Amino acid sequence: MGCCIFLPMSSEALLVFCTCPDGETAGVIAGQLVDERLAACVTISEAVTSVYHWQGASETAEERQLLIKTTRQRYPELERRITDLHPYELPEIIAVTIEQGLLGACPRIGTVAREVHFESFFSVI
């Protein structure tokens, strides 16, 4: 489905991880980020189990993981938007640099990628 994009080495591309309490919340956040052109694509995982300490207690929760493809330039605005939309007091938001990759792309990745300033390192194949 869709096209593929080749990502040559670049420190501008980011993959952002964010956990959400359920599929509905994950869908709302993913939709907003893509609609607002803060992300080129967002993948929503099936349920995952998170184990963590929160407010002095060990917790286990079923959550959904978002995998958000964006740029370093868009990250500050993306982080603010996730924080605004997210129901958690302190949402998990972790960004890692994408150095290389041949990524399966969302539909219309070329168009969306250009709108979020990916054009400097994305080539539609």
PDB file of N, CA and C in Angstrom:
ATOM      1  N   MET A   1       0.841  -1.181   0.000  1.00  0.00           N
ATOM      2  CA  MET A   1       0.000   0.000   0.000  1.00  0.00           C
ATOM      3  C   MET A   1       0.879   1.235   0.000  1.00  0.00           C
ATOM      4  N   GLY A   2       0.557   2.198  -0.833  1.00  0.00           N
ATOM      5  CA  GLY A   2       1.349   3.406  -0.899  1.00  0.00           C
ATOM      6  C   GLY A   2       2.670   3.156  -1.586  1.00  0.00           C
ATOM      7  N   CYS A   3       3.597   4.080  -1.426  1.00  0.00           N
ATOM      8  CA  CYS A   3       4.902   3.969  -2.038  1.00  0.00           C
ATOM      9  C   CYS A   3       5.934   3.710  -0.961  1.00  0.00           C
ATOM     10  N   CYS A   4       7.156   3.587  -1.387  1.00  0.00           N
ATOM     11  CA  CYS A   4       8.246   3.476  -0.423  1.00  0.00           C
ATOM     12  C   CYS A   4       9.112   4.706  -0.561  1.00  0.00           C
ATOM     13  N   ILE A   5       9.795   5.057   0.524  1.00  0.00           N
ATOM     14  CA  ILE A   5      10.706   6.179   0.472  1.00  0.00           C
ATOM     15  C   ILE A   5      12.069   5.695   0.886  1.00  0.00           C
ATOM     16  N   PHE A   6      13.094   6.191   0.237  1.00  0.00           N
ATOM     17  CA  PHE A   6      14.459   5.881   0.614  1.00  0.00           C
ATOM     18  C   PHE A   6      14.972   7.033   1.433  1.00  0.00           C
ATOM     19  N   LEU A   7      15.520   6.737   2.581  1.00  0.00           N
ATOM     20  CA  LEU A   7      15.995   7.768   3.488  1.00  0.00           C
ATOM     21  C   LEU A   7      17.505   7.678   3.595  1.00  0.00           C
ATOM     22  N   PRO A   8      18.240   8.505   2.844  1.00  0.00           N
ATOM     23  CA  PRO A   8      19.684   8.496   3.003  1.00  0.00           C
ATOM     24  C   PRO A   8      20.069   9.035   4.373  1.00  0.00           C
ATOM     25  N   MET A   9      21.334   8.897   4.747  1.00  0.00           N
ATOM     26  CA  MET A   9      21.769   9.350   6.067  1.00  0.00           C
ATOM     27  C   MET A   9      21.374  10.806   6.287  1.00  0.00           C
ATOM     28  N   SER A  10      20.770  11.070   7.420  1.00  0.00           N
ATOM     29  CA  SER A  10      20.342  12.416   7.758  1.00  0.00           C
ATOM     30  C   SER A  10      20.054  12.485   9.241  1.00  0.00           C
ATOM     31  N   SER A  11      20.448  13.562   9.869  1.00  0.00           N
ATOM     32  CA  SER A  11      20.125  13.737  11.283  1.00  0.00           C
ATOM     33  C   SER A  11      18.860  14.557  11.456  1.00  0.00           C
ATOM     34  N   GLU A  12      18.164  14.861  10.363  1.00  0.00           N
ATOM     35  CA  GLU A  12      16.962  15.668  10.440  1.00  0.00           C
ATOM     36  C   GLU A  12      15.696  14.852  10.640  1.00  0.00           C
ATOM     37  N   ALA A  13      15.717  13.579  10.260  1.00  0.00           N
ATOM     38  CA  ALA A  13      14.537  12.726  10.386  1.00  0.00           C
ATOM     39  C   ALA A  13      14.475  12.138  11.787  1.00  0.00           C
ATOM     40  N   LEU A  14      13.280  12.144  12.381  1.00  0.00           N
ATOM     41  CA  LEU A  14      13.084  11.591  13.722  1.00  0.00           C
ATOM     42  C   LEU A  14      11.968  10.557  13.705  1.00  0.00           C
ATOM     43  N   LEU A  15      12.121   9.560  14.559  1.00  0.00           N
ATOM     44  CA  LEU A  15      11.058   8.619  14.872  1.00  0.00           C
ATOM     45  C   LEU A  15      10.713   8.882  16.330  1.00  0.00           C
ATOM     46  N   VAL A  16       9.468   9.261  16.577  1.00  0.00           N
ATOM     47  CA  VAL A  16       9.021   9.623  17.922  1.00  0.00           C
ATOM     48  C   VAL A  16       8.096   8.525  18.437  1.00  0.00           C
ATOM     49  N   PHE A  17       8.367   8.046  19.628  1.00  0.00           N
ATOM     50  CA  PHE A  17       7.546   7.040  20.301  1.00  0.00           C
ATOM     51  C   PHE A  17       6.675   7.748  21.336  1.00  0.00           C
ATOM     52  N   CYS A  18       5.421   7.368  21.389  1.00  0.00           N
ATOM     53  CA  CYS A  18       4.504   7.924  22.386  1.00  0.00           C
ATOM     54  C   CYS A  18       3.474   6.859  22.731  1.00  0.00           C
ATOM     55  N   THR A  19       3.315   6.552  24.018  1.00  0.00           N
ATOM     56  CA  THR A  19       2.300   5.582  24.423  1.00  0.00           C
ATOM     57  C   THR A  19       0.993   6.302  24.745  1.00  0.00           C
ATOM     58  N   CYS A  20      -0.111   5.614  24.449  1.00  0.00           N
ATOM     59  CA  CYS A  20      -1.455   6.140  24.697  1.00  0.00           C
ATOM     60  C   CYS A  20      -2.260   5.104  25.475  1.00  0.00           C
ATOM     61  N   PRO A  21      -3.253   5.528  26.244  1.00  0.00           N
ATOM     62  CA  PRO A  21      -3.994   4.594  27.083  1.00  0.00           C
ATOM     63  C   PRO A  21      -4.888   3.624  26.316  1.00  0.00           C
ATOM     64  N   ASP A  22      -5.284   3.984  25.078  1.00  0.00           N
ATOM     65  CA  ASP A  22      -6.210   3.127  24.335  1.00  0.00           C
ATOM     66  C   ASP A  22      -6.176   3.493  22.855  1.00  0.00           C
ATOM     67  N   GLY A  23      -6.846   2.673  22.050  1.00  0.00           N
ATOM     68  CA  GLY A  23      -6.868   2.886  20.615  1.00  0.00           C
ATOM     69  C   GLY A  23      -7.557   4.172  20.192  1.00  0.00           C
ATOM     70  N   GLU A  24      -8.610   4.544  20.892  1.00  0.00           N
ATOM     71  CA  GLU A  24      -9.328   5.770  20.546  1.00  0.00           C
ATOM     72  C   GLU A  24      -8.433   6.998  20.715  1.00  0.00           C
ATOM     73  N   THR A  25      -7.759   7.088  21.855  1.00  0.00           N
ATOM     74  CA  THR A  25      -6.845   8.210  22.103  1.00  0.00           C
ATOM     75  C   THR A  25      -5.719   8.207  21.081  1.00  0.00           C
ATOM     76  N   ALA A  26      -5.158   7.036  20.813  1.00  0.00           N
ATOM     77  CA  ALA A  26      -4.075   6.921  19.835  1.00  0.00           C
ATOM     78  C   ALA A  26      -4.546   7.416  18.469  1.00  0.00           C
ATOM     79  N   GLY A  27      -5.741   7.040  18.067  1.00  0.00           N
ATOM     80  CA  GLY A  27      -6.278   7.460  16.782  1.00  0.00           C
ATOM     81  C   GLY A  27      -6.490   8.956  16.686  1.00  0.00           C
ATOM     82  N   VAL A  28      -6.994   9.550  17.753  1.00  0.00           N
ATOM     83  CA  VAL A  28      -7.215  11.002  17.767  1.00  0.00           C
ATOM     84  C   VAL A  28      -5.882  11.738  17.649  1.00  0.00           C
ATOM     85  N   ILE A  29      -4.909  11.343  18.453  1.00  0.00           N
ATOM     86  CA  ILE A  29      -3.608  12.017  18.420  1.00  0.00           C
ATOM     87  C   ILE A  29      -2.941  11.822  17.059  1.00  0.00           C
ATOM     88  N   ALA A  30      -2.924  10.602  16.553  1.00  0.00           N
ATOM     89  CA  ALA A  30      -2.316  10.326  15.246  1.00  0.00           C
ATOM     90  C   ALA A  30      -2.974  11.161  14.156  1.00  0.00           C
ATOM     91  N   GLY A  31      -4.299  11.199  14.141  1.00  0.00           N
ATOM     92  CA  GLY A  31      -5.019  11.966  13.130  1.00  0.00           C
ATOM     93  C   GLY A  31      -4.694  13.440  13.178  1.00  0.00           C
ATOM     94  N   GLN A  32      -4.658  13.999  14.376  1.00  0.00           N
ATOM     95  CA  GLN A  32      -4.359  15.426  14.523  1.00  0.00           C
ATOM     96  C   GLN A  32      -2.950  15.744  14.044  1.00  0.00           C
ATOM     97  N   LEU A  33      -1.969  14.906  14.420  1.00  0.00           N
ATOM     98  CA  LEU A  33      -0.584  15.174  14.026  1.00  0.00           C
ATOM     99  C   LEU A  33      -0.412  15.145  12.516  1.00  0.00           C
ATOM    100  N   VAL A  34      -1.064  14.198  11.860  1.00  0.00           N
ATOM    101  CA  VAL A  34      -0.982  14.114  10.397  1.00  0.00           C
ATOM    102  C   VAL A  34      -1.768  15.252   9.755  1.00  0.00           C
ATOM    103  N   ASP A  35      -2.988  15.510  10.237  1.00  0.00           N
ATOM    104  CA  ASP A  35      -3.807  16.592   9.675  1.00  0.00           C
ATOM    105  C   ASP A  35      -3.124  17.952   9.803  1.00  0.00           C
ATOM    106  N   GLU A  36      -2.431  18.158  10.908  1.00  0.00           N
ATOM    107  CA  GLU A  36      -1.753  19.434  11.142  1.00  0.00           C
ATOM    108  C   GLU A  36      -0.357  19.473  10.535  1.00  0.00           C
ATOM    109  N   ARG A  37       0.008  18.438   9.795  1.00  0.00           N
ATOM    110  CA  ARG A  37       1.292  18.334   9.095  1.00  0.00           C
ATOM    111  C   ARG A  37       2.488  18.399  10.043  1.00  0.00           C
ATOM    112  N   LEU A  38       2.296  17.896  11.258  1.00  0.00           N
ATOM    113  CA  LEU A  38       3.405  17.782  12.201  1.00  0.00           C
ATOM    114  C   LEU A  38       4.115  16.449  12.046  1.00  0.00           C
ATOM    115  N   ALA A  39       3.464  15.512  11.373  1.00  0.00           N
ATOM    116  CA  ALA A  39       4.032  14.191  11.112  1.00  0.00           C
ATOM    117  C   ALA A  39       3.704  13.789   9.683  1.00  0.00           C
ATOM    118  N   ALA A  40       4.627  13.091   9.050  1.00  0.00           N
ATOM    119  CA  ALA A  40       4.373  12.560   7.714  1.00  0.00           C
ATOM    120  C   ALA A  40       3.513  11.313   7.799  1.00  0.00           C
ATOM    121  N   CYS A  41       3.691  10.554   8.868  1.00  0.00           N
ATOM    122  CA  CYS A  41       2.963   9.298   9.039  1.00  0.00           C
ATOM    123  C   CYS A  41       3.010   8.904  10.509  1.00  0.00           C
ATOM    124  N   VAL A  42       1.953   8.278  10.993  1.00  0.00           N
ATOM    125  CA  VAL A  42       1.922   7.752  12.361  1.00  0.00           C
ATOM    126  C   VAL A  42       1.399   6.325  12.300  1.00  0.00           C
ATOM    127  N   THR A  43       2.144   5.406  12.876  1.00  0.00           N
ATOM    128  CA  THR A  43       1.731   4.012  12.974  1.00  0.00           C
ATOM    129  C   THR A  43       1.217   3.770  14.385  1.00  0.00           C
ATOM    130  N   ILE A  44       0.067   3.117  14.506  1.00  0.00           N
ATOM    131  CA  ILE A  44      -0.518   2.785  15.804  1.00  0.00           C
ATOM    132  C   ILE A  44      -0.384   1.282  16.011  1.00  0.00           C
ATOM    133  N   SER A  45       0.252   0.884  17.108  1.00  0.00           N
ATOM    134  CA  SER A  45       0.461  -0.535  17.387  1.00  0.00           C
ATOM    135  C   SER A  45      -0.795  -1.185  17.942  1.00  0.00           C
ATOM    136  N   GLU A  46      -0.790  -2.489  17.911  1.00  0.00           N
ATOM    137  CA  GLU A  46      -1.764  -3.248  18.691  1.00  0.00           C
ATOM    138  C   GLU A  46      -1.436  -3.005  20.162  1.00  0.00           C
ATOM    139  N   ALA A  47      -2.222  -3.542  21.052  1.00  0.00           N
ATOM    140  CA  ALA A  47      -1.995  -3.339  22.488  1.00  0.00           C
ATOM    141  C   ALA A  47      -0.617  -3.867  22.898  1.00  0.00           C
ATOM    142  N   VAL A  48       0.070  -3.083  23.721  1.00  0.00           N
ATOM    143  CA  VAL A  48       1.340  -3.475  24.324  1.00  0.00           C
ATOM    144  C   VAL A  48       1.188  -3.355  25.838  1.00  0.00           C
ATOM    145  N   THR A  49       2.007  -4.062  26.566  1.00  0.00           N
ATOM    146  CA  THR A  49       1.979  -3.980  28.023  1.00  0.00           C
ATOM    147  C   THR A  49       3.174  -3.174  28.496  1.00  0.00           C
ATOM    148  N   SER A  50       2.925  -2.140  29.262  1.00  0.00           N
ATOM    149  CA  SER A  50       3.979  -1.308  29.839  1.00  0.00           C
ATOM    150  C   SER A  50       4.059  -1.577  31.335  1.00  0.00           C
ATOM    151  N   VAL A  51       5.288  -1.689  31.832  1.00  0.00           N
ATOM    152  CA  VAL A  51       5.539  -1.876  33.265  1.00  0.00           C
ATOM    153  C   VAL A  51       6.458  -0.735  33.694  1.00  0.00           C
ATOM    154  N   TYR A  52       6.053   0.006  34.734  1.00  0.00           N
ATOM    155  CA  TYR A  52       6.783   1.207  35.109  1.00  0.00           C
ATOM    156  C   TYR A  52       6.478   1.582  36.565  1.00  0.00           C
ATOM    157  N   HIS A  53       7.283   2.513  37.110  1.00  0.00           N
ATOM    158  CA  HIS A  53       7.007   3.094  38.425  1.00  0.00           C
ATOM    159  C   HIS A  53       6.342   4.445  38.217  1.00  0.00           C
ATOM    160  N   TRP A  54       5.289   4.708  38.945  1.00  0.00           N
ATOM    161  CA  TRP A  54       4.611   5.996  38.884  1.00  0.00           C
ATOM    162  C   TRP A  54       4.109   6.351  40.267  1.00  0.00           C
ATOM    163  N   GLN A  55       4.507   7.516  40.750  1.00  0.00           N
ATOM    164  CA  GLN A  55       4.100   8.030  42.047  1.00  0.00           C
ATOM    165  C   GLN A  55       4.331   7.002  43.151  1.00  0.00           C
ATOM    166  N   GLY A  56       5.530   6.407  43.125  1.00  0.00           N
ATOM    167  CA  GLY A  56       5.957   5.501  44.188  1.00  0.00           C
ATOM    168  C   GLY A  56       5.453   4.071  44.102  1.00  0.00           C
ATOM    169  N   ALA A  57       4.725   3.721  43.067  1.00  0.00           N
ATOM    170  CA  ALA A  57       4.180   2.365  42.957  1.00  0.00           C
ATOM    171  C   ALA A  57       4.545   1.750  41.602  1.00  0.00           C
ATOM    172  N   SER A  58       4.680   0.437  41.598  1.00  0.00           N
ATOM    173  CA  SER A  58       4.889  -0.291  40.352  1.00  0.00           C
ATOM    174  C   SER A  58       3.549  -0.456  39.656  1.00  0.00           C
ATOM    175  N   GLU A  59       3.498  -0.132  38.372  1.00  0.00           N
ATOM    176  CA  GLU A  59       2.260  -0.165  37.602  1.00  0.00           C
ATOM    177  C   GLU A  59       2.420  -1.046  36.373  1.00  0.00           C
ATOM    178  N   THR A  60       1.340  -1.631  35.932  1.00  0.00           N
ATOM    179  CA  THR A  60       1.270  -2.352  34.664  1.00  0.00           C
ATOM    180  C   THR A  60       0.041  -1.846  33.938  1.00  0.00           C
ATOM    181  N   ALA A  61       0.220  -1.508  32.653  1.00  0.00           N
ATOM    182  CA  ALA A  61      -0.912  -0.965  31.889  1.00  0.00           C
ATOM    183  C   ALA A  61      -0.876  -1.484  30.459  1.00  0.00           C
ATOM    184  N   GLU A  62      -2.051  -1.721  29.899  1.00  0.00           N
ATOM    185  CA  GLU A  62      -2.168  -2.020  28.473  1.00  0.00           C
ATOM    186  C   GLU A  62      -2.283  -0.683  27.761  1.00  0.00           C
ATOM    187  N   GLU A  63      -1.414  -0.468  26.769  1.00  0.00           N
ATOM    188  CA  GLU A  63      -1.379   0.805  26.060  1.00  0.00           C
ATOM    189  C   GLU A  63      -1.234   0.554  24.564  1.00  0.00           C
ATOM    190  N   ARG A  64      -1.300   1.626  23.803  1.00  0.00           N
ATOM    191  CA  ARG A  64      -1.016   1.608  22.364  1.00  0.00           C
ATOM    192  C   ARG A  64       0.217   2.471  22.141  1.00  0.00           C
ATOM    193  N   GLN A  65       1.101   2.006  21.276  1.00  0.00           N
ATOM    194  CA  GLN A  65       2.332   2.739  20.959  1.00  0.00           C
ATOM    195  C   GLN A  65       2.173   3.460  19.630  1.00  0.00           C
ATOM    196  N   LEU A  66       2.469   4.745  19.623  1.00  0.00           N
ATOM    197  CA  LEU A  66       2.511   5.509  18.378  1.00  0.00           C
ATOM    198  C   LEU A  66       3.955   5.567  17.903  1.00  0.00           C
ATOM    199  N   LEU A  67       4.162   5.335  16.604  1.00  0.00           N
ATOM    200  CA  LEU A  67       5.457   5.522  15.953  1.00  0.00           C
ATOM    201  C   LEU A  67       5.261   6.676  14.978  1.00  0.00           C
ATOM    202  N   ILE A  68       5.839   7.812  15.286  1.00  0.00           N
ATOM    203  CA  ILE A  68       5.578   9.057  14.575  1.00  0.00           C
ATOM    204  C   ILE A  68       6.815   9.448  13.770  1.00  0.00           C
ATOM    205  N   LYS A  69       6.640   9.631  12.452  1.00  0.00           N
ATOM    206  CA  LYS A  69       7.746  10.056  11.599  1.00  0.00           C
ATOM    207  C   LYS A  69       7.634  11.555  11.377  1.00  0.00           C
ATOM    208  N   THR A  70       8.701  12.276  11.758  1.00  0.00           N
ATOM    209  CA  THR A  70       8.699  13.733  11.657  1.00  0.00           C
ATOM    210  C   THR A  70      10.116  14.230  11.423  1.00  0.00           C
ATOM    211  N   THR A  71      10.310  15.539  11.552  1.00  0.00           N
ATOM    212  CA  THR A  71      11.634  16.138  11.407  1.00  0.00           C
ATOM    213  C   THR A  71      12.036  16.832  12.708  1.00  0.00           C
ATOM    214  N   ARG A  72      13.331  17.046  12.831  1.00  0.00           N
ATOM    215  CA  ARG A  72      13.854  17.766  13.998  1.00  0.00           C
ATOM    216  C   ARG A  72      13.231  19.166  14.064  1.00  0.00           C
ATOM    217  N   GLN A  73      13.034  19.794  12.919  1.00  0.00           N
ATOM    218  CA  GLN A  73      12.447  21.137  12.856  1.00  0.00           C
ATOM    219  C   GLN A  73      11.028  21.150  13.418  1.00  0.00           C
ATOM    220  N   ARG A  74      10.251  20.105  13.147  1.00  0.00           N
ATOM    221  CA  ARG A  74       8.857  20.055  13.593  1.00  0.00           C
ATOM    222  C   ARG A  74       8.694  19.511  15.011  1.00  0.00           C
ATOM    223  N   TYR A  75       9.762  18.928  15.579  1.00  0.00           N
ATOM    224  CA  TYR A  75       9.620  18.254  16.866  1.00  0.00           C
ATOM    225  C   TYR A  75       9.070  19.142  17.992  1.00  0.00           C
ATOM    226  N   PRO A  76       9.591  20.348  18.202  1.00  0.00           N
ATOM    227  CA  PRO A  76       9.055  21.139  19.331  1.00  0.00           C
ATOM    228  C   PRO A  76       7.537  21.350  19.253  1.00  0.00           C
ATOM    229  N   GLU A  77       7.041  21.659  18.056  1.00  0.00           N
ATOM    230  CA  GLU A  77       5.601  21.864  17.893  1.00  0.00           C
ATOM    231  C   GLU A  77       4.838  20.543  18.066  1.00  0.00           C
ATOM    232  N   LEU A  78       5.415  19.458  17.549  1.00  0.00           N
ATOM    233  CA  LEU A  78       4.804  18.134  17.701  1.00  0.00           C
ATOM    234  C   LEU A  78       4.685  17.754  19.187  1.00  0.00           C
ATOM    235  N   GLU A  79       5.756  17.980  19.944  1.00  0.00           N
ATOM    236  CA  GLU A  79       5.737  17.666  21.377  1.00  0.00           C
ATOM    237  C   GLU A  79       4.666  18.472  22.109  1.00  0.00           C
ATOM    238  N   ARG A  80       4.584  19.754  21.802  1.00  0.00           N
ATOM    239  CA  ARG A  80       3.553  20.600  22.432  1.00  0.00           C
ATOM    240  C   ARG A  80       2.151  20.089  22.100  1.00  0.00           C
ATOM    241  N   ARG A  81       1.959  19.692  20.840  1.00  0.00           N
ATOM    242  CA  ARG A  81       0.628  19.245  20.417  1.00  0.00           C
ATOM    243  C   ARG A  81       0.260  17.933  21.088  1.00  0.00           C
ATOM    244  N   ILE A  82       1.215  17.006  21.174  1.00  0.00           N
ATOM    245  CA  ILE A  82       0.941  15.743  21.880  1.00  0.00           C
ATOM    246  C   ILE A  82       0.567  16.036  23.323  1.00  0.00           C
ATOM    247  N   THR A  83       1.326  16.897  23.979  1.00  0.00           N
ATOM    248  CA  THR A  83       1.056  17.239  25.378  1.00  0.00           C
ATOM    249  C   THR A  83      -0.335  17.851  25.539  1.00  0.00           C
ATOM    250  N   ASP A  84      -0.751  18.684  24.591  1.00  0.00           N
ATOM    251  CA  ASP A  84      -2.086  19.288  24.635  1.00  0.00           C
ATOM    252  C   ASP A  84      -3.197  18.250  24.490  1.00  0.00           C
ATOM    253  N   LEU A  85      -2.981  17.276  23.608  1.00  0.00           N
ATOM    254  CA  LEU A  85      -4.021  16.298  23.286  1.00  0.00           C
ATOM    255  C   LEU A  85      -4.054  15.098  24.238  1.00  0.00           C
ATOM    256  N   HIS A  86      -2.943  14.808  24.880  1.00  0.00           N
ATOM    257  CA  HIS A  86      -2.787  13.562  25.642  1.00  0.00           C
ATOM    258  C   HIS A  86      -3.458  13.622  27.011  1.00  0.00           C
ATOM    259  N   PRO A  87      -4.142  12.545  27.408  1.00  0.00           N
ATOM    260  CA  PRO A  87      -4.809  12.546  28.709  1.00  0.00           C
ATOM    261  C   PRO A  87      -3.870  12.312  29.901  1.00  0.00           C
ATOM    262  N   TYR A  88      -2.657  11.783  29.649  1.00  0.00           N
ATOM    263  CA  TYR A  88      -1.729  11.532  30.756  1.00  0.00           C
ATOM    264  C   TYR A  88      -1.160  12.844  31.275  1.00  0.00           C
ATOM    265  N   GLU A  89      -0.946  12.900  32.575  1.00  0.00           N
ATOM    266  CA  GLU A  89      -0.317  14.061  33.200  1.00  0.00           C
ATOM    267  C   GLU A  89       1.085  14.276  32.630  1.00  0.00           C
ATOM    268  N   LEU A  90       1.809  13.187  32.412  1.00  0.00           N
ATOM    269  CA  LEU A  90       3.162  13.246  31.873  1.00  0.00           C
ATOM    270  C   LEU A  90       3.294  12.168  30.800  1.00  0.00           C
ATOM    271  N   PRO A  91       2.924  12.477  29.553  1.00  0.00           N
ATOM    272  CA  PRO A  91       2.994  11.457  28.501  1.00  0.00           C
ATOM    273  C   PRO A  91       4.434  11.091  28.172  1.00  0.00           C
ATOM    274  N   GLU A  92       4.627   9.831  27.793  1.00  0.00           N
ATOM    275  CA  GLU A  92       5.935   9.384  27.330  1.00  0.00           C
ATOM    276  C   GLU A  92       6.108   9.845  25.888  1.00  0.00           C
ATOM    277  N   ILE A  93       7.139  10.650  25.667  1.00  0.00           N
ATOM    278  CA  ILE A  93       7.473  11.113  24.319  1.00  0.00           C
ATOM    279  C   ILE A  93       8.984  10.970  24.179  1.00  0.00           C
ATOM    280  N   ILE A  94       9.410  10.067  23.295  1.00  0.00           N
ATOM    281  CA  ILE A  94      10.834   9.797  23.096  1.00  0.00           C
ATOM    282  C   ILE A  94      11.136   9.920  21.612  1.00  0.00           C
ATOM    283  N   ALA A  95      12.126  10.733  21.259  1.00  0.00           N
ATOM    284  CA  ALA A  95      12.511  10.910  19.856  1.00  0.00           C
ATOM    285  C   ALA A  95      13.900  10.336  19.624  1.00  0.00           C
ATOM    286  N   VAL A  96      14.032   9.595  18.525  1.00  0.00           N
ATOM    287  CA  VAL A  96      15.337   9.065  18.125  1.00  0.00           C
ATOM    288  C   VAL A  96      15.592   9.472  16.674  1.00  0.00           C
ATOM    289  N   THR A  97      16.841   9.672  16.353  1.00  0.00           N
ATOM    290  CA  THR A  97      17.231  10.055  15.005  1.00  0.00           C
ATOM    291  C   THR A  97      17.161   8.852  14.080  1.00  0.00           C
ATOM    292  N   ILE A  98      16.614   9.070  12.890  1.00  0.00           N
ATOM    293  CA  ILE A  98      16.625   8.043  11.850  1.00  0.00           C
ATOM    294  C   ILE A  98      17.838   8.340  10.976  1.00  0.00           C
ATOM    295  N   GLU A  99      18.793   7.442  10.976  1.00  0.00           N
ATOM    296  CA  GLU A  99      20.007   7.650  10.189  1.00  0.00           C
ATOM    297  C   GLU A  99      19.862   7.138   8.762  1.00  0.00           C
ATOM    298  N   GLN A 100      19.209   5.997   8.582  1.00  0.00           N
ATOM    299  CA  GLN A 100      19.029   5.415   7.260  1.00  0.00           C
ATOM    300  C   GLN A 100      17.784   4.568   7.271  1.00  0.00           C
ATOM    301  N   GLY A 101      17.245   4.274   6.085  1.00  0.00           N
ATOM    302  CA  GLY A 101      16.137   3.353   6.038  1.00  0.00           C
ATOM    303  C   GLY A 101      15.417   3.353   4.712  1.00  0.00           C
ATOM    304  N   LEU A 102      14.798   2.241   4.436  1.00  0.00           N
ATOM    305  CA  LEU A 102      13.857   2.112   3.340  1.00  0.00           C
ATOM    306  C   LEU A 102      12.536   1.873   4.031  1.00  0.00           C
ATOM    307  N   LEU A 103      11.708   2.890   4.085  1.00  0.00           N
ATOM    308  CA  LEU A 103      10.514   2.864   4.911  1.00  0.00           C
ATOM    309  C   LEU A 103       9.276   2.629   4.070  1.00  0.00           C
ATOM    310  N   GLY A 104       8.398   1.727   4.504  1.00  0.00           N
ATOM    311  CA  GLY A 104       7.084   1.624   3.886  1.00  0.00           C
ATOM    312  C   GLY A 104       6.342   2.894   4.247  1.00  0.00           C
ATOM    313  N   ALA A 105       5.783   3.569   3.269  1.00  0.00           N
ATOM    314  CA  ALA A 105       5.235   4.892   3.529  1.00  0.00           C
ATOM    315  C   ALA A 105       3.720   4.871   3.588  1.00  0.00           C
ATOM    316  N   CYS A 106       3.183   5.847   4.276  1.00  0.00           N
ATOM    317  CA  CYS A 106       1.741   6.062   4.277  1.00  0.00           C
ATOM    318  C   CYS A 106       1.336   6.549   2.899  1.00  0.00           C
ATOM    319  N   PRO A 107       0.064   6.406   2.544  1.00  0.00           N
ATOM    320  CA  PRO A 107      -0.384   6.947   1.261  1.00  0.00           C
ATOM    321  C   PRO A 107      -0.044   8.433   1.162  1.00  0.00           C
ATOM    322  N   ARG A 108       0.359   8.857  -0.032  1.00  0.00           N
ATOM    323  CA  ARG A 108       0.675  10.251  -0.325  1.00  0.00           C
ATOM    324  C   ARG A 108       1.870  10.761   0.472  1.00  0.00           C
ATOM    325  N   ILE A 109       2.798   9.884   0.828  1.00  0.00           N
ATOM    326  CA  ILE A 109       3.947  10.310   1.619  1.00  0.00           C
ATOM    327  C   ILE A 109       4.742  11.411   0.932  1.00  0.00           C
ATOM    328  N   GLY A 110       4.857  11.336  -0.371  1.00  0.00           N
ATOM    329  CA  GLY A 110       5.610  12.366  -1.078  1.00  0.00           C
ATOM    330  C   GLY A 110       5.024  13.739  -0.861  1.00  0.00           C
ATOM    331  N   THR A 111       3.717  13.860  -0.990  1.00  0.00           N
ATOM    332  CA  THR A 111       3.041  15.147  -0.800  1.00  0.00           C
ATOM    333  C   THR A 111       3.152  15.607   0.642  1.00  0.00           C
ATOM    334  N   VAL A 112       2.824  14.740   1.570  1.00  0.00           N
ATOM    335  CA  VAL A 112       2.860  15.119   2.986  1.00  0.00           C
ATOM    336  C   VAL A 112       4.282  15.405   3.418  1.00  0.00           C
ATOM    337  N   ALA A 113       5.227  14.578   2.959  1.00  0.00           N
ATOM    338  CA  ALA A 113       6.622  14.780   3.344  1.00  0.00           C
ATOM    339  C   ALA A 113       7.104  16.160   2.921  1.00  0.00           C
ATOM    340  N   ARG A 114       6.781  16.581   1.705  1.00  0.00           N
ATOM    341  CA  ARG A 114       7.198  17.908   1.264  1.00  0.00           C
ATOM    342  C   ARG A 114       6.570  18.988   2.134  1.00  0.00           C
ATOM    343  N   GLU A 115       5.334  18.789   2.551  1.00  0.00           N
ATOM    344  CA  GLU A 115       4.666  19.792   3.375  1.00  0.00           C
ATOM    345  C   GLU A 115       5.280  19.903   4.761  1.00  0.00           C
ATOM    346  N   VAL A 116       5.915  18.836   5.255  1.00  0.00           N
ATOM    347  CA  VAL A 116       6.560  18.924   6.563  1.00  0.00           C
ATOM    348  C   VAL A 116       8.080  19.004   6.415  1.00  0.00           C
ATOM    349  N   HIS A 117       8.518  19.498   5.247  1.00  0.00           N
ATOM    350  CA  HIS A 117       9.923  19.803   5.010  1.00  0.00           C
ATOM    351  C   HIS A 117      10.835  18.581   5.015  1.00  0.00           C
ATOM    352  N   PHE A 118      10.342  17.439   4.517  1.00  0.00           N
ATOM    353  CA  PHE A 118      11.169  16.266   4.359  1.00  0.00           C
ATOM    354  C   PHE A 118      11.879  16.280   3.007  1.00  0.00           C
ATOM    355  N   GLU A 119      11.556  17.243   2.136  1.00  0.00           N
ATOM    356  CA  GLU A 119      12.025  17.157   0.770  1.00  0.00           C
ATOM    357  C   GLU A 119      13.551  17.100   0.671  1.00  0.00           C
ATOM    358  N   SER A 120      14.252  17.570   1.657  1.00  0.00           N
ATOM    359  CA  SER A 120      15.709  17.571   1.566  1.00  0.00           C
ATOM    360  C   SER A 120      16.304  16.173   1.682  1.00  0.00           C
ATOM    361  N   PHE A 121      15.543  15.206   2.190  1.00  0.00           N
ATOM    362  CA  PHE A 121      16.132  13.888   2.309  1.00  0.00           C
ATOM    363  C   PHE A 121      15.222  12.723   1.939  1.00  0.00           C
ATOM    364  N   PHE A 122      14.025  12.969   1.453  1.00  0.00           N
ATOM    365  CA  PHE A 122      13.149  11.893   1.000  1.00  0.00           C
ATOM    366  C   PHE A 122      13.139  11.861  -0.517  1.00  0.00           C
ATOM    367  N   SER A 123      13.241  10.684  -1.074  1.00  0.00           N
ATOM    368  CA  SER A 123      13.056  10.489  -2.506  1.00  0.00           C
ATOM    369  C   SER A 123      11.969   9.451  -2.692  1.00  0.00           C
ATOM    370  N   VAL A 124      10.959   9.758  -3.474  1.00  0.00           N
ATOM    371  CA  VAL A 124       9.903   8.798  -3.730  1.00  0.00           C
ATOM    372  C   VAL A 124      10.428   7.805  -4.747  1.00  0.00           C
ATOM    373  N   ILE A 125      10.257   6.521  -4.450  1.00  0.00           N
ATOM    374  CA  ILE A 125      10.716   5.453  -5.345  1.00  0.00           C
ATOM    375  C   ILE A 125       9.535   4.880  -6.074  1.00  0.00           C
TER     376      ILE A 125
END
